[in-house]
Amino acid sequence: LLDILVLDVLVLATIVLFWRRDRVAAALMLPYLAWIAFATVLNASILKLNPM
């Protein structure tokens, strides 16, 4: 779960940096951020439902 949370933060940071340079490129990264956020929630729920 930690690795996907780091990925969320890094994708968000990439979008912020892209936004300053090219807003179209940043906007094109938003669906990827949405997909990664969904995967994070899915990963967290699977972890919660199946404790070690």
N, C-alpha and C. Protein backbone atom coordinates (compact mmCIF):
# COMPACT_ATOMS: atom_id res chain seq x y z
N LEU A 1 0.83 -1.20 0.00
CA LEU A 1 0.00 0.00 0.00
C LEU A 1 0.87 1.26 0.00
N LEU A 2 1.99 1.17 0.67
CA LEU A 2 2.88 2.34 0.74
C LEU A 2 3.39 2.74 -0.64
N ASP A 3 3.72 1.76 -1.45
CA ASP A 3 4.27 2.08 -2.77
C ASP A 3 3.24 2.77 -3.66
N ILE A 4 1.98 2.38 -3.58
CA ILE A 4 0.97 3.02 -4.42
C ILE A 4 0.64 4.43 -3.89
N LEU A 5 0.76 4.63 -2.58
CA LEU A 5 0.58 5.98 -2.03
C LEU A 5 1.69 6.91 -2.51
N VAL A 6 2.91 6.39 -2.56
CA VAL A 6 4.03 7.18 -3.09
C VAL A 6 3.78 7.51 -4.55
N LEU A 7 3.27 6.53 -5.30
CA LEU A 7 2.94 6.77 -6.71
C LEU A 7 1.89 7.87 -6.85
N ASP A 8 0.87 7.86 -5.98
CA ASP A 8 -0.15 8.92 -6.00
C ASP A 8 0.48 10.30 -5.84
N VAL A 9 1.35 10.40 -4.85
CA VAL A 9 2.00 11.69 -4.57
C VAL A 9 2.87 12.12 -5.75
N LEU A 10 3.61 11.18 -6.31
CA LEU A 10 4.50 11.53 -7.43
C LEU A 10 3.73 11.92 -8.69
N VAL A 11 2.63 11.24 -8.95
CA VAL A 11 1.81 11.61 -10.12
C VAL A 11 1.20 12.99 -9.90
N LEU A 12 0.73 13.27 -8.69
CA LEU A 12 0.19 14.60 -8.40
C LEU A 12 1.27 15.67 -8.55
N ALA A 13 2.47 15.40 -8.07
CA ALA A 13 3.57 16.35 -8.21
C ALA A 13 3.91 16.57 -9.68
N THR A 14 3.87 15.51 -10.47
CA THR A 14 4.12 15.63 -11.91
C THR A 14 3.08 16.51 -12.57
N ILE A 15 1.82 16.33 -12.19
CA ILE A 15 0.75 17.15 -12.77
C ILE A 15 0.96 18.62 -12.41
N VAL A 16 1.33 18.89 -11.17
CA VAL A 16 1.57 20.28 -10.75
C VAL A 16 2.71 20.89 -11.55
N LEU A 17 3.79 20.14 -11.71
CA LEU A 17 4.93 20.66 -12.48
C LEU A 17 4.59 20.83 -13.96
N PHE A 18 3.84 19.88 -14.51
CA PHE A 18 3.41 19.99 -15.91
C PHE A 18 2.50 21.20 -16.10
N TRP A 19 1.64 21.47 -15.10
CA TRP A 19 0.67 22.57 -15.20
C TRP A 19 1.38 23.90 -15.42
N ARG A 20 2.52 24.07 -14.78
CA ARG A 20 3.28 25.31 -14.92
C ARG A 20 3.87 25.46 -16.32
N ARG A 21 4.16 24.35 -16.96
CA ARG A 21 4.82 24.39 -18.26
C ARG A 21 3.86 24.21 -19.43
N ASP A 22 2.97 23.21 -19.32
CA ASP A 22 2.05 22.90 -20.41
C ASP A 22 0.75 22.35 -19.82
N ARG A 23 -0.28 23.17 -19.85
CA ARG A 23 -1.54 22.78 -19.21
C ARG A 23 -2.23 21.62 -19.91
N VAL A 24 -2.04 21.49 -21.20
CA VAL A 24 -2.64 20.36 -21.91
C VAL A 24 -2.01 19.05 -21.43
N ALA A 25 -0.70 19.05 -21.29
CA ALA A 25 -0.01 17.85 -20.80
C ALA A 25 -0.48 17.50 -19.39
N ALA A 26 -0.66 18.51 -18.56
CA ALA A 26 -1.14 18.27 -17.20
C ALA A 26 -2.56 17.71 -17.22
N ALA A 27 -3.41 18.28 -18.07
CA ALA A 27 -4.79 17.80 -18.15
C ALA A 27 -4.86 16.36 -18.64
N LEU A 28 -3.94 16.00 -19.52
CA LEU A 28 -3.92 14.62 -20.02
C LEU A 28 -3.46 13.62 -18.96
N MET A 29 -2.83 14.11 -17.91
CA MET A 29 -2.42 13.23 -16.81
C MET A 29 -3.53 12.99 -15.79
N LEU A 30 -4.59 13.79 -15.84
CA LEU A 30 -5.66 13.66 -14.85
C LEU A 30 -6.38 12.31 -14.88
N PRO A 31 -6.67 11.74 -16.05
CA PRO A 31 -7.28 10.40 -16.02
C PRO A 31 -6.36 9.35 -15.38
N TYR A 32 -5.07 9.49 -15.58
CA TYR A 32 -4.12 8.57 -14.95
C TYR A 32 -4.17 8.72 -13.43
N LEU A 33 -4.25 9.96 -12.96
CA LEU A 33 -4.36 10.20 -11.52
C LEU A 33 -5.65 9.58 -10.98
N ALA A 34 -6.74 9.72 -11.71
CA ALA A 34 -8.01 9.12 -11.28
C ALA A 34 -7.89 7.60 -11.21
N TRP A 35 -7.26 6.99 -12.20
CA TRP A 35 -7.09 5.54 -12.21
C TRP A 35 -6.21 5.08 -11.04
N ILE A 36 -5.13 5.80 -10.78
CA ILE A 36 -4.25 5.44 -9.67
C ILE A 36 -4.97 5.62 -8.34
N ALA A 37 -5.78 6.66 -8.21
CA ALA A 37 -6.55 6.86 -6.98
C ALA A 37 -7.54 5.70 -6.77
N PHE A 38 -8.20 5.28 -7.85
CA PHE A 38 -9.11 4.14 -7.76
C PHE A 38 -8.34 2.88 -7.35
N ALA A 39 -7.19 2.67 -7.94
CA ALA A 39 -6.38 1.49 -7.60
C ALA A 39 -5.93 1.54 -6.14
N THR A 40 -5.66 2.74 -5.64
CA THR A 40 -5.26 2.89 -4.24
C THR A 40 -6.39 2.49 -3.31
N VAL A 41 -7.59 2.98 -3.61
CA VAL A 41 -8.76 2.63 -2.79
C VAL A 41 -9.03 1.13 -2.86
N LEU A 42 -8.94 0.58 -4.04
CA LEU A 42 -9.15 -0.86 -4.21
C LEU A 42 -8.11 -1.66 -3.42
N ASN A 43 -6.88 -1.24 -3.50
CA ASN A 43 -5.80 -1.91 -2.78
C ASN A 43 -6.02 -1.82 -1.27
N ALA A 44 -6.42 -0.65 -0.79
CA ALA A 44 -6.65 -0.47 0.64
C ALA A 44 -7.83 -1.31 1.12
N SER A 45 -8.87 -1.38 0.32
CA SER A 45 -10.04 -2.17 0.74
C SER A 45 -9.71 -3.67 0.75
N ILE A 46 -8.94 -4.13 -0.21
CA ILE A 46 -8.52 -5.53 -0.21
C ILE A 46 -7.66 -5.83 1.01
N LEU A 47 -6.77 -4.91 1.33
CA LEU A 47 -5.92 -5.10 2.51
C LEU A 47 -6.75 -5.12 3.79
N LYS A 48 -7.76 -4.25 3.86
CA LYS A 48 -8.61 -4.19 5.05
C LYS A 48 -9.45 -5.46 5.19
N LEU A 49 -9.96 -5.98 4.08
CA LEU A 49 -10.82 -7.15 4.13
C LEU A 49 -10.05 -8.46 4.32
N ASN A 50 -8.76 -8.44 4.05
CA ASN A 50 -7.92 -9.64 4.19
C ASN A 50 -6.71 -9.34 5.07
N PRO A 51 -6.93 -9.22 6.36
CA PRO A 51 -5.78 -8.90 7.24
C PRO A 51 -4.78 -10.05 7.26
N MET A 52 -3.55 -9.68 7.51
CA MET A 52 -2.48 -10.69 7.49
C MET A 52 -2.48 -11.50 8.75
